[in-house]
Amino acid sequence: MFSPSIHIAGPVKQTLVERNIIHANPKPSDAVDRTIITSDSWDGYADSTCFRQNIYYAAEPSRFDFTSSTRNAFEENIYIGQFKNQPESQKNKKAENIYTEKVLKESADGYKGLHCLMDSVILKEHTLHYIKPEAIKTFFQNIF
């Protein structure tokens, strides 16, 4: 089942993917895709995509698949887990340790550790969760 965490499809140019937390828990079935990023064609391929200061965590072996996209750039990203085709990067042990302490040790699924970044609102009897802008800004400032 095709379901990458981030899917970049088509001839997009000069895209910035910055300060995201991709926290991939175990999949419910072996048939479910474990790809973190897929960049593929939809009448063309992406060009000049920059991935900056993102956190990629995978509980199971995962992968990056950039197919024929061109000029992808990676700056100060954190990779926690096993990834096939992982972009080259400098290890940031400080950032890995912070994420491990504040998120993974709170709960492996990440929910308890990341809950401090969220707030909620009730809308038509449904609880909606959203990221608190100041909380996520501070979180990333402490890591990078």
C-alpha atoms as a PDB file:
ATOM      1  CA  MET A   1       0.000   0.000   0.000  1.00  0.00           C
ATOM      2  CA  PHE A   2       1.638   3.239  -1.202  1.00  0.00           C
ATOM      3  CA  SER A   3       1.769   5.665   1.711  1.00  0.00           C
ATOM      4  CA  PRO A   4       5.031   7.605   2.081  1.00  0.00           C
ATOM      5  CA  SER A   5       5.217  10.123   4.904  1.00  0.00           C
ATOM      6  CA  ILE A   6       6.022  12.863   2.375  1.00  0.00           C
ATOM      7  CA  HIS A   7       5.080  12.510  -1.303  1.00  0.00           C
ATOM      8  CA  ILE A   8       6.474  15.019  -3.780  1.00  0.00           C
ATOM      9  CA  ALA A   9       4.897  14.411  -7.169  1.00  0.00           C
ATOM     10  CA  GLY A  10       5.214  16.442 -10.299  1.00  0.00           C
ATOM     11  CA  PRO A  11       7.453  19.113 -11.758  1.00  0.00           C
ATOM     12  CA  VAL A  12       7.642  21.353  -8.669  1.00  0.00           C
ATOM     13  CA  LYS A  13      10.649  23.654  -8.428  1.00  0.00           C
ATOM     14  CA  GLN A  14      12.508  25.316  -5.560  1.00  0.00           C
ATOM     15  CA  THR A  15      10.465  23.711  -2.780  1.00  0.00           C
ATOM     16  CA  LEU A  16      11.468  24.107   0.871  1.00  0.00           C
ATOM     17  CA  VAL A  17      10.556  21.403   3.393  1.00  0.00           C
ATOM     18  CA  GLU A  18      11.654  22.867   6.714  1.00  0.00           C
ATOM     19  CA  ARG A  19      11.290  22.090  10.426  1.00  0.00           C
ATOM     20  CA  ASN A  20       8.972  19.107  10.278  1.00  0.00           C
ATOM     21  CA  ILE A  21       8.836  16.113  12.582  1.00  0.00           C
ATOM     22  CA  ILE A  22       8.228  12.879  10.689  1.00  0.00           C
ATOM     23  CA  HIS A  23       7.643  10.276  13.381  1.00  0.00           C
ATOM     24  CA  ALA A  24       6.876   6.922  11.748  1.00  0.00           C
ATOM     25  CA  ASN A  25       5.597   4.311  14.171  1.00  0.00           C
ATOM     26  CA  PRO A  26       5.466   0.594  13.310  1.00  0.00           C
ATOM     27  CA  LYS A  27       3.100  -0.134  10.450  1.00  0.00           C
ATOM     28  CA  PRO A  28       0.110  -2.423  11.065  1.00  0.00           C
ATOM     29  CA  SER A  29       0.987  -4.710   8.154  1.00  0.00           C
ATOM     30  CA  ASP A  30       3.987  -5.688   6.044  1.00  0.00           C
ATOM     31  CA  ALA A  31       1.986  -4.514   3.012  1.00  0.00           C
ATOM     32  CA  VAL A  32       2.063  -0.877   4.197  1.00  0.00           C
ATOM     33  CA  ASP A  33       4.738   1.362   2.644  1.00  0.00           C
ATOM     34  CA  ARG A  34       7.513   2.438   5.004  1.00  0.00           C
ATOM     35  CA  THR A  35       9.025   5.140   2.810  1.00  0.00           C
ATOM     36  CA  ILE A  36       9.775   8.450   4.505  1.00  0.00           C
ATOM     37  CA  ILE A  37       9.989  10.541   1.311  1.00  0.00           C
ATOM     38  CA  THR A  38       9.034   9.608  -2.239  1.00  0.00           C
ATOM     39  CA  SER A  39       9.709  12.098  -5.015  1.00  0.00           C
ATOM     40  CA  ASP A  40       8.310  10.768  -8.254  1.00  0.00           C
ATOM     41  CA  SER A  41       6.694  11.804 -11.511  1.00  0.00           C
ATOM     42  CA  TRP A  42       3.340  13.350 -12.188  1.00  0.00           C
ATOM     43  CA  ASP A  43       4.033  14.775 -15.623  1.00  0.00           C
ATOM     44  CA  GLY A  44       7.579  15.572 -14.505  1.00  0.00           C
ATOM     45  CA  TYR A  45       9.957  15.362 -11.550  1.00  0.00           C
ATOM     46  CA  ALA A  46      10.795  17.765  -8.751  1.00  0.00           C
ATOM     47  CA  ASP A  47      13.836  19.992  -9.107  1.00  0.00           C
ATOM     48  CA  SER A  48      15.738  21.906  -6.416  1.00  0.00           C
ATOM     49  CA  THR A  49      13.956  20.659  -3.317  1.00  0.00           C
ATOM     50  CA  CYS A  50      15.614  21.659  -0.044  1.00  0.00           C
ATOM     51  CA  PHE A  51      15.038  19.624   3.126  1.00  0.00           C
ATOM     52  CA  ARG A  52      16.219  21.707   6.081  1.00  0.00           C
ATOM     53  CA  GLN A  53      16.200  21.064   9.828  1.00  0.00           C
ATOM     54  CA  ASN A  54      13.701  18.204   9.762  1.00  0.00           C
ATOM     55  CA  ILE A  55      13.553  15.291  12.180  1.00  0.00           C
ATOM     56  CA  TYR A  56      13.023  11.859  10.628  1.00  0.00           C
ATOM     57  CA  TYR A  57      12.310   9.023  13.049  1.00  0.00           C
ATOM     58  CA  ALA A  58      11.357   5.498  11.959  1.00  0.00           C
ATOM     59  CA  ALA A  59      10.597   2.672  14.369  1.00  0.00           C
ATOM     60  CA  GLU A  60      11.185   0.146  11.573  1.00  0.00           C
ATOM     61  CA  PRO A  61      13.674   0.100   8.698  1.00  0.00           C
ATOM     62  CA  SER A  62      12.503   2.669   6.178  1.00  0.00           C
ATOM     63  CA  ARG A  63      13.812   4.433   3.082  1.00  0.00           C
ATOM     64  CA  PHE A  64      14.071   7.562   1.015  1.00  0.00           C
ATOM     65  CA  ASP A  65      13.191   7.330  -2.685  1.00  0.00           C
ATOM     66  CA  PHE A  66      14.069  10.348  -4.826  1.00  0.00           C
ATOM     67  CA  THR A  67      13.726   8.507  -8.170  1.00  0.00           C
ATOM     68  CA  SER A  68      14.626  10.970 -10.966  1.00  0.00           C
ATOM     69  CA  SER A  69      14.170  14.212  -9.037  1.00  0.00           C
ATOM     70  CA  THR A  70      17.125  16.549  -9.368  1.00  0.00           C
ATOM     71  CA  ARG A  71      19.233  18.877  -7.211  1.00  0.00           C
ATOM     72  CA  ASN A  72      17.841  17.776  -3.845  1.00  0.00           C
ATOM     73  CA  ALA A  73      19.605  19.504  -0.942  1.00  0.00           C
ATOM     74  CA  PHE A  74      19.761  18.402   2.692  1.00  0.00           C
ATOM     75  CA  GLU A  75      20.755  20.755   5.499  1.00  0.00           C
ATOM     76  CA  GLU A  76      20.955  19.956   9.223  1.00  0.00           C
ATOM     77  CA  ASN A  77      18.406  17.144   9.235  1.00  0.00           C
ATOM     78  CA  ILE A  78      18.246  14.505  11.981  1.00  0.00           C
ATOM     79  CA  TYR A  79      17.812  10.824  11.136  1.00  0.00           C
ATOM     80  CA  ILE A  80      16.885   8.427  13.944  1.00  0.00           C
ATOM     81  CA  GLY A  81      16.390   4.837  12.833  1.00  0.00           C
ATOM     82  CA  GLN A  82      17.502   2.731   9.891  1.00  0.00           C
ATOM     83  CA  PHE A  83      17.035   4.246   6.439  1.00  0.00           C
ATOM     84  CA  LYS A  84      17.907   2.911   3.016  1.00  0.00           C
ATOM     85  CA  ASN A  85      19.179   5.669   0.686  1.00  0.00           C
ATOM     86  CA  GLN A  86      19.543   8.103   3.600  1.00  0.00           C
ATOM     87  CA  PRO A  87      20.942  11.420   2.401  1.00  0.00           C
ATOM     88  CA  GLU A  88      24.454  12.120   3.596  1.00  0.00           C
ATOM     89  CA  SER A  89      24.553  14.207   6.722  1.00  0.00           C
ATOM     90  CA  GLN A  90      26.624  15.224   9.693  1.00  0.00           C
ATOM     91  CA  LYS A  91      25.570  13.467  12.881  1.00  0.00           C
ATOM     92  CA  ASN A  92      23.900  15.816  15.323  1.00  0.00           C
ATOM     93  CA  LYS A  93      24.181  13.846  18.568  1.00  0.00           C
ATOM     94  CA  LYS A  94      22.867  16.753  20.645  1.00  0.00           C
ATOM     95  CA  ALA A  95      19.651  16.885  18.597  1.00  0.00           C
ATOM     96  CA  GLU A  96      19.282  13.085  18.555  1.00  0.00           C
ATOM     97  CA  ASN A  97      19.706  12.986  22.330  1.00  0.00           C
ATOM     98  CA  ILE A  98      17.145  15.757  22.872  1.00  0.00           C
ATOM     99  CA  TYR A  99      14.571  13.998  20.685  1.00  0.00           C
ATOM    100  CA  THR A 100      15.259  10.675  22.390  1.00  0.00           C
ATOM    101  CA  GLU A 101      14.971  12.176  25.890  1.00  0.00           C
ATOM    102  CA  LYS A 102      11.989  14.465  25.309  1.00  0.00           C
ATOM    103  CA  VAL A 103       9.976  12.284  22.937  1.00  0.00           C
ATOM    104  CA  LEU A 104      10.982   8.632  22.652  1.00  0.00           C
ATOM    105  CA  LYS A 105      11.601   8.027  26.355  1.00  0.00           C
ATOM    106  CA  GLU A 106       8.206   9.538  27.174  1.00  0.00           C
ATOM    107  CA  SER A 107       6.493   7.047  24.869  1.00  0.00           C
ATOM    108  CA  ALA A 108       7.804   5.095  21.893  1.00  0.00           C
ATOM    109  CA  ASP A 109       4.812   6.168  19.799  1.00  0.00           C
ATOM    110  CA  GLY A 110       5.836   9.794  20.344  1.00  0.00           C
ATOM    111  CA  TYR A 111       2.429  10.982  21.451  1.00  0.00           C
ATOM    112  CA  LYS A 112       3.210  11.843  25.084  1.00  0.00           C
ATOM    113  CA  GLY A 113       6.498  13.505  24.187  1.00  0.00           C
ATOM    114  CA  LEU A 114       5.056  15.517  21.314  1.00  0.00           C
ATOM    115  CA  HIS A 115       1.806  16.339  23.122  1.00  0.00           C
ATOM    116  CA  CYS A 116       3.435  19.399  24.722  1.00  0.00           C
ATOM    117  CA  LEU A 117       3.648  20.926  21.232  1.00  0.00           C
ATOM    118  CA  MET A 118      -0.094  20.610  20.679  1.00  0.00           C
ATOM    119  CA  ASP A 119      -3.321  22.155  21.774  1.00  0.00           C
ATOM    120  CA  SER A 120      -6.885  21.175  20.997  1.00  0.00           C
ATOM    121  CA  VAL A 121     -10.267  22.650  20.248  1.00  0.00           C
ATOM    122  CA  ILE A 122     -13.692  21.067  20.163  1.00  0.00           C
ATOM    123  CA  LEU A 123     -15.562  21.648  16.933  1.00  0.00           C
ATOM    124  CA  LYS A 124     -18.974  20.095  16.341  1.00  0.00           C
ATOM    125  CA  GLU A 125     -18.400  17.490  19.052  1.00  0.00           C
ATOM    126  CA  HIS A 126     -14.998  16.498  17.634  1.00  0.00           C
ATOM    127  CA  THR A 127     -11.683  17.220  19.310  1.00  0.00           C
ATOM    128  CA  LEU A 128      -9.153  18.618  16.850  1.00  0.00           C
ATOM    129  CA  HIS A 129      -5.458  18.785  17.724  1.00  0.00           C
ATOM    130  CA  TYR A 130      -3.105  21.366  16.263  1.00  0.00           C
ATOM    131  CA  ILE A 131       0.464  22.509  16.729  1.00  0.00           C
ATOM    132  CA  LYS A 132       1.054  25.532  18.953  1.00  0.00           C
ATOM    133  CA  PRO A 133       3.253  27.860  16.864  1.00  0.00           C
ATOM    134  CA  GLU A 134       5.363  29.159  19.759  1.00  0.00           C
ATOM    135  CA  ALA A 135       5.870  25.688  21.222  1.00  0.00           C
ATOM    136  CA  ILE A 136       7.152  24.193  17.957  1.00  0.00           C
ATOM    137  CA  LYS A 137       9.323  27.252  17.320  1.00  0.00           C
ATOM    138  CA  THR A 138      10.953  26.875  20.738  1.00  0.00           C
ATOM    139  CA  PHE A 139      11.311  23.109  20.265  1.00  0.00           C
ATOM    140  CA  PHE A 140      13.283  23.555  17.044  1.00  0.00           C
ATOM    141  CA  GLN A 141      15.333  26.448  18.441  1.00  0.00           C
ATOM    142  CA  ASN A 142      16.480  24.176  21.267  1.00  0.00           C
ATOM    143  CA  ILE A 143      17.453  21.408  18.864  1.00  0.00           C
ATOM    144  CA  PHE A 144      19.198  23.351  16.096  1.00  0.00           C
END
